Amino acid sequence: MRILFFGTPEFAATSLELIAKEGFNIVAVVTAPDKPAGRGRQLKSSEVKVSAEKLNIPIFQPTNLKSEDFLNQINGLNIDLGVVIAFRMLPMQIWSAPKLGTINLHASLLPNYRGAAPIQHAIIQGETKTGVSTFFLKHEIDTGDLIDQQEVEIEENETGGTLHDKLMDIGAKLMIQSLRKIESFGNLTPTFPQIYSDDLKMASKINRDFCQIDTNQTASDIHNKIRGLSPYPGAWINSPFGELKIYASKIVSEPIVGESIDLIFIDNKKLYLKCKNSFLEIIELQPQGKQRMLAISYLNGLR
């Protein structure tokens, strides 16, 4: 079975390496072009490109997925199956070209949390479980028939970063399971439809405005937002000390009577944020233009 792999970040690279390790025939990889990064603005390769080079797999980095040259290159590879993980939306000419179609790994229990940021949104919404899903692509994004799903618990203090790593590893194993099914059954691979409900939850792309903390929300809602957006892109708030990114917090039930500066309270060398119904202790933060640090270190540096 000849596989063409599409992906860019670490989430995809982990699956790529496991697919190769399990002996599947990956004939080429498609990933994003190298981009300038860091202070020196030197070109940086994607994690998928780094893994593909290590595995000696041919690499395509098209700037235009609809270009005739790229389509001709893809059609000349005689692909049986496309595998897409954490990549941009593919034109129909590409995902429909492989003989067996194209499959995708998505970091949620579809149909819930379709979209660009399923890991963050699941935590922000206070979910206690999520999962990974594999499915065959069709025209509408994240709507194809499912091959496999695996449920994963979201722990009490789970962050977007820890859940990402957990789903990355479990998702890679689920992809192997799905590839073995397709290898055995081909066009007759058993699938099941996505079951819709009235309260379907989506996972839209996250922008800077979305990351701003609204202190009119409950402490629980703000705490979930901080967890979901940690470590990237980070929830932030305008404070009397300037903009602060908050990476870790703890809900406090008892009232805080320390020194108050607007919505920020300082009590017994601890930093608190006043919310709608109670307080959050700020555990870890990053002042604008400075390094990430514990709140106690930040307080020790305040004048």
Protein backbone atom coordinates (compact mmCIF):
# COMPACT_ATOMS: atom_id res chain seq x y z
CA MET A 1 0.00 0.00 0.00
CA ARG A 2 1.62 3.23 -1.22
CA ILE A 3 0.98 6.12 1.21
CA LEU A 4 1.33 9.87 0.67
CA PHE A 5 1.63 11.68 4.02
CA PHE A 6 0.53 15.29 4.63
CA GLY A 7 1.48 17.09 7.86
CA THR A 8 3.53 19.87 9.43
CA PRO A 9 3.87 20.03 13.27
CA GLU A 10 5.15 17.63 15.91
CA PHE A 11 1.63 16.16 16.30
CA ALA A 12 1.91 14.86 12.73
CA ALA A 13 5.62 13.94 12.88
CA THR A 14 4.99 11.49 15.73
CA SER A 15 2.51 9.57 13.57
CA LEU A 16 4.80 9.73 10.54
CA GLU A 17 7.64 8.11 12.47
CA LEU A 18 5.43 5.37 13.91
CA ILE A 19 3.88 4.61 10.48
CA ALA A 20 7.37 4.19 9.05
CA LYS A 21 8.53 2.11 12.04
CA GLU A 22 5.56 -0.25 11.57
CA GLY A 23 6.72 -0.96 8.03
CA PHE A 24 4.17 0.93 5.95
CA ASN A 25 5.36 2.23 2.58
CA ILE A 26 5.39 6.05 2.73
CA VAL A 27 6.41 7.09 -0.78
CA ALA A 28 6.50 10.85 -0.10
CA VAL A 29 5.68 13.54 2.44
CA VAL A 30 3.97 16.88 1.80
CA THR A 31 4.67 19.60 4.36
CA ALA A 32 4.77 23.39 4.71
CA PRO A 33 7.60 25.43 3.17
CA ASP A 34 10.46 26.41 5.47
CA LYS A 35 9.71 29.65 7.36
CA PRO A 36 11.90 32.34 8.98
CA ALA A 37 12.03 31.93 12.76
CA GLY A 38 13.80 33.37 15.77
CA ARG A 39 15.69 36.62 16.12
CA GLY A 40 17.98 35.81 13.22
CA ARG A 41 14.99 34.99 10.98
CA GLN A 42 16.77 31.90 9.70
CA LEU A 43 14.70 29.41 7.74
CA LYS A 44 13.28 26.66 9.93
CA SER A 45 12.00 23.29 8.70
CA SER A 46 8.75 21.79 9.95
CA GLU A 47 8.90 18.88 12.39
CA VAL A 48 7.47 16.63 9.67
CA LYS A 49 10.25 17.63 7.26
CA VAL A 50 12.88 16.90 9.93
CA SER A 51 11.38 13.43 10.51
CA ALA A 52 11.08 12.72 6.78
CA GLU A 53 14.73 13.63 6.20
CA LYS A 54 15.74 11.30 9.04
CA LEU A 55 13.67 8.53 7.42
CA ASN A 56 14.98 9.30 3.88
CA ILE A 57 11.47 9.92 2.55
CA PRO A 58 11.08 12.27 -0.46
CA ILE A 59 9.62 15.66 0.53
CA PHE A 60 7.33 18.12 -1.28
CA GLN A 61 6.88 21.67 0.03
CA PRO A 62 4.44 23.34 -2.36
CA THR A 63 3.43 26.97 -1.91
CA ASN A 64 0.31 26.35 -4.00
CA LEU A 65 -1.51 23.06 -3.53
CA LYS A 66 -3.54 23.68 -6.69
CA SER A 67 -0.58 24.27 -9.01
CA GLU A 68 -0.49 22.08 -12.09
CA ASP A 69 3.12 21.04 -11.47
CA PHE A 70 2.32 19.79 -7.97
CA LEU A 71 -0.81 17.94 -9.10
CA ASN A 72 1.20 16.24 -11.84
CA GLN A 73 3.86 15.21 -9.30
CA ILE A 74 1.21 13.72 -7.01
CA ASN A 75 -0.58 11.90 -9.83
CA GLY A 76 2.73 10.40 -10.93
CA LEU A 77 3.31 8.70 -7.56
CA ASN A 78 0.62 6.03 -8.05
CA ILE A 79 -0.72 6.56 -4.50
CA ASP A 80 -3.08 4.08 -2.84
CA LEU A 81 -3.88 6.11 0.29
CA GLY A 82 -3.46 9.67 1.53
CA VAL A 83 -2.86 10.32 5.24
CA VAL A 84 -3.45 13.84 6.57
CA ILE A 85 -2.55 15.00 10.10
CA ALA A 86 -2.47 18.66 11.19
CA PHE A 87 -2.23 20.08 7.68
CA ARG A 88 -4.09 22.80 5.83
CA MET A 89 -7.27 22.11 3.88
CA LEU A 90 -6.58 20.02 0.77
CA PRO A 91 -8.13 20.67 -2.65
CA MET A 92 -10.51 17.95 -3.77
CA GLN A 93 -8.20 17.08 -6.69
CA ILE A 94 -5.61 15.95 -4.16
CA TRP A 95 -7.56 14.16 -1.43
CA SER A 96 -9.71 12.28 -3.97
CA ALA A 97 -6.74 11.17 -6.10
CA PRO A 98 -5.51 8.11 -4.10
CA LYS A 99 -7.18 4.83 -5.07
CA LEU A 100 -8.47 4.18 -1.52
CA GLY A 101 -9.11 7.83 -0.65
CA THR A 102 -7.52 9.97 2.06
CA ILE A 103 -7.82 9.60 5.83
CA ASN A 104 -7.34 12.12 8.61
CA LEU A 105 -6.46 11.98 12.32
CA HIS A 106 -8.36 14.56 14.38
CA ALA A 107 -7.80 15.35 18.06
CA SER A 108 -11.39 15.06 19.28
CA LEU A 109 -14.30 12.66 19.46
CA LEU A 110 -15.97 13.73 16.24
CA PRO A 111 -18.40 15.22 15.44
CA ASN A 112 -17.70 17.42 18.49
CA TYR A 113 -14.87 19.94 18.28
CA ARG A 114 -14.47 20.07 14.56
CA GLY A 115 -12.09 22.79 13.52
CA ALA A 116 -8.59 24.14 14.04
CA ALA A 117 -8.20 23.98 17.84
CA PRO A 118 -9.99 20.92 19.28
CA ILE A 119 -7.52 20.32 22.12
CA GLN A 120 -7.73 23.84 23.54
CA HIS A 121 -11.50 24.16 23.17
CA ALA A 122 -12.22 20.86 24.93
CA ILE A 123 -10.38 22.07 28.05
CA ILE A 124 -11.80 25.59 27.84
CA GLN A 125 -15.32 24.12 27.77
CA GLY A 126 -14.59 22.13 30.94
CA GLU A 127 -14.80 18.70 29.31
CA THR A 128 -13.66 15.71 31.36
CA LYS A 129 -13.04 13.54 28.31
CA THR A 130 -12.02 13.93 24.69
CA GLY A 131 -10.24 11.61 22.29
CA VAL A 132 -8.90 11.01 18.81
CA SER A 133 -10.71 10.02 15.62
CA THR A 134 -9.67 8.70 12.22
CA PHE A 135 -11.98 9.20 9.25
CA PHE A 136 -12.13 9.35 5.46
CA LEU A 137 -12.04 12.86 4.05
CA LYS A 138 -14.95 14.30 2.14
CA HIS A 139 -15.72 17.81 0.93
CA GLU A 140 -17.06 19.33 4.18
CA ILE A 141 -14.25 19.68 6.72
CA ASP A 142 -14.06 17.01 9.49
CA THR A 143 -17.33 15.39 8.43
CA GLY A 144 -16.31 12.08 6.81
CA ASP A 145 -17.22 8.58 7.93
CA LEU A 146 -15.27 7.38 10.97
CA ILE A 147 -12.83 4.47 10.96
CA ASP A 148 -11.75 4.41 14.62
CA GLN A 149 -12.12 6.48 17.80
CA GLN A 150 -10.48 6.30 21.21
CA GLU A 151 -11.68 8.16 24.28
CA VAL A 152 -9.16 9.91 26.54
CA GLU A 153 -9.69 11.33 30.03
CA ILE A 154 -8.96 15.02 30.63
CA GLU A 155 -7.39 15.21 34.07
CA GLU A 156 -8.31 17.89 36.60
CA ASN A 157 -5.22 20.05 36.03
CA GLU A 158 -4.66 19.08 32.39
CA THR A 159 -3.30 21.85 30.15
CA GLY A 160 -3.44 22.28 26.41
CA GLY A 161 0.22 21.23 26.31
CA THR A 162 -0.10 18.03 28.33
CA LEU A 163 -3.28 16.99 26.51
CA HIS A 164 -1.62 17.68 23.15
CA ASP A 165 1.22 15.29 24.00
CA LYS A 166 -1.15 12.64 25.30
CA LEU A 167 -3.37 12.75 22.19
CA MET A 168 -0.32 12.90 19.91
CA ASP A 169 0.93 9.52 21.16
CA ILE A 170 -2.48 7.85 21.40
CA GLY A 171 -3.45 9.24 18.00
CA ALA A 172 -0.35 7.78 16.35
CA LYS A 173 -1.27 4.32 17.67
CA LEU A 174 -4.86 4.73 16.52
CA MET A 175 -3.61 5.67 13.05
CA ILE A 176 -1.67 2.38 12.88
CA GLN A 177 -4.83 0.50 13.85
CA SER A 178 -6.78 2.25 11.08
CA LEU A 179 -4.06 1.67 8.48
CA ARG A 180 -4.06 -2.03 9.27
CA LYS A 181 -7.83 -2.13 8.71
CA ILE A 182 -7.47 -0.39 5.35
CA GLU A 183 -4.60 -2.69 4.43
CA SER A 184 -6.86 -5.69 5.13
CA PHE A 185 -10.17 -4.44 3.73
CA GLY A 186 -9.25 -1.87 1.05
CA ASN A 187 -12.34 -0.19 -0.40
CA LEU A 188 -14.48 -2.36 1.89
CA THR A 189 -12.95 -0.92 5.09
CA PRO A 190 -15.74 -0.78 7.72
CA THR A 191 -16.72 2.74 8.75
CA PHE A 192 -19.50 4.34 10.76
CA PRO A 193 -21.18 7.74 10.36
CA GLN A 194 -20.71 10.66 12.71
CA ILE A 195 -23.72 10.95 15.03
CA TYR A 196 -24.99 14.50 15.41
CA SER A 197 -26.68 16.11 18.41
CA ASP A 198 -28.41 19.42 19.06
CA ASP A 199 -25.52 20.74 21.18
CA LEU A 200 -22.71 20.16 18.67
CA LYS A 201 -19.52 21.87 19.90
CA MET A 202 -17.06 23.46 17.49
CA ALA A 203 -13.35 24.31 17.76
CA SER A 204 -12.78 27.48 15.79
CA LYS A 205 -9.35 29.00 15.21
CA ILE A 206 -8.01 30.87 18.25
CA ASN A 207 -6.97 34.51 17.88
CA ARG A 208 -5.51 37.07 20.28
CA ASP A 209 -8.88 38.59 21.24
CA PHE A 210 -10.22 35.17 22.22
CA CYS A 211 -7.25 34.71 24.57
CA GLN A 212 -8.07 37.81 26.64
CA ILE A 213 -9.39 36.99 30.11
CA ASP A 214 -12.83 38.38 30.98
CA THR A 215 -13.09 38.82 34.76
CA ASN A 216 -16.90 38.90 34.47
CA GLN A 217 -16.67 35.13 34.00
CA THR A 218 -16.61 32.67 36.89
CA ALA A 219 -13.31 31.55 38.40
CA SER A 220 -13.93 28.06 37.00
CA ASP A 221 -14.43 29.36 33.45
CA ILE A 222 -11.32 31.53 33.62
CA HIS A 223 -9.28 28.68 35.13
CA ASN A 224 -10.36 26.40 32.27
CA LYS A 225 -9.40 29.05 29.73
CA ILE A 226 -5.97 29.46 31.29
CA ARG A 227 -5.44 25.67 31.26
CA GLY A 228 -6.63 25.28 27.69
CA LEU A 229 -4.40 28.06 26.34
CA SER A 230 -1.29 26.97 28.27
CA PRO A 231 1.47 26.94 27.10
CA TYR A 232 0.40 28.36 23.74
CA PRO A 233 -0.84 30.90 22.83
CA GLY A 234 -1.48 31.84 26.50
CA ALA A 235 -4.42 33.59 28.18
CA TRP A 236 -3.72 37.25 28.95
CA ILE A 237 -5.11 40.17 30.93
CA ASN A 238 -4.50 43.89 31.10
CA SER A 239 -3.49 44.60 34.69
CA PRO A 240 -2.28 47.68 36.62
CA PHE A 241 1.21 46.23 36.08
CA GLY A 242 0.76 45.94 32.31
CA GLU A 243 -0.20 42.97 30.19
CA LEU A 244 0.24 39.61 31.91
CA LYS A 245 0.05 36.17 30.34
CA ILE A 246 -1.18 33.62 32.85
CA TYR A 247 -0.12 29.99 32.42
CA ALA A 248 -1.25 28.35 35.67
CA SER A 249 -3.90 29.15 38.27
CA LYS A 250 -5.83 27.66 41.18
CA ILE A 251 -9.44 28.31 42.21
CA VAL A 252 -9.73 29.82 45.69
CA SER A 253 -12.99 29.44 47.60
CA GLU A 254 -12.32 31.68 50.60
CA PRO A 255 -12.41 35.51 50.31
CA ILE A 256 -9.13 37.38 49.87
CA VAL A 257 -8.64 40.50 52.00
CA GLY A 258 -5.13 41.51 50.96
CA GLU A 259 -3.98 44.64 49.20
CA SER A 260 -6.15 45.38 46.16
CA ILE A 261 -4.94 47.02 42.96
CA ASP A 262 -7.94 47.06 40.64
CA LEU A 263 -8.83 43.35 40.12
CA ILE A 264 -5.43 42.13 41.28
CA PHE A 265 -5.04 41.23 44.96
CA ILE A 266 -1.79 40.59 46.82
CA ASP A 267 -2.00 38.67 50.08
CA ASN A 268 0.71 36.86 52.01
CA LYS A 269 3.12 36.93 49.04
CA LYS A 270 0.50 35.43 46.73
CA LEU A 271 -1.14 36.96 43.66
CA TYR A 272 -4.90 36.70 43.08
CA LEU A 273 -7.34 37.67 40.37
CA LYS A 274 -10.87 38.74 41.32
CA CYS A 275 -13.46 36.90 39.22
CA LYS A 276 -17.25 36.99 39.02
CA ASN A 277 -17.92 34.68 41.96
CA SER A 278 -14.58 34.15 43.73
CA PHE A 279 -10.82 34.38 43.26
CA LEU A 280 -8.10 32.68 41.24
CA GLU A 281 -4.61 32.36 42.61
CA ILE A 282 -2.14 33.11 39.82
CA ILE A 283 0.59 30.46 40.00
CA GLU A 284 2.66 31.13 36.89
CA LEU A 285 2.73 34.14 34.58
CA GLN A 286 4.73 36.13 32.06
CA PRO A 287 4.95 39.93 32.16
CA GLN A 288 5.16 41.58 28.75
CA GLY A 289 8.72 41.53 27.44
CA LYS A 290 9.99 39.21 30.18
CA GLN A 291 10.44 35.51 30.82
CA ARG A 292 7.79 33.15 32.13
CA MET A 293 8.04 32.89 35.94
CA LEU A 294 6.33 31.81 39.14
CA ALA A 295 4.04 34.41 40.71
CA ILE A 296 6.20 34.54 43.85
CA SER A 297 9.21 35.53 41.74
CA TYR A 298 7.14 38.21 40.04
CA LEU A 299 5.96 39.63 43.38
CA ASN A 300 9.49 39.68 44.72
CA GLY A 301 10.49 41.85 41.78
CA LEU A 302 7.64 44.37 42.14
CA ARG A 303 8.29 47.78 43.69
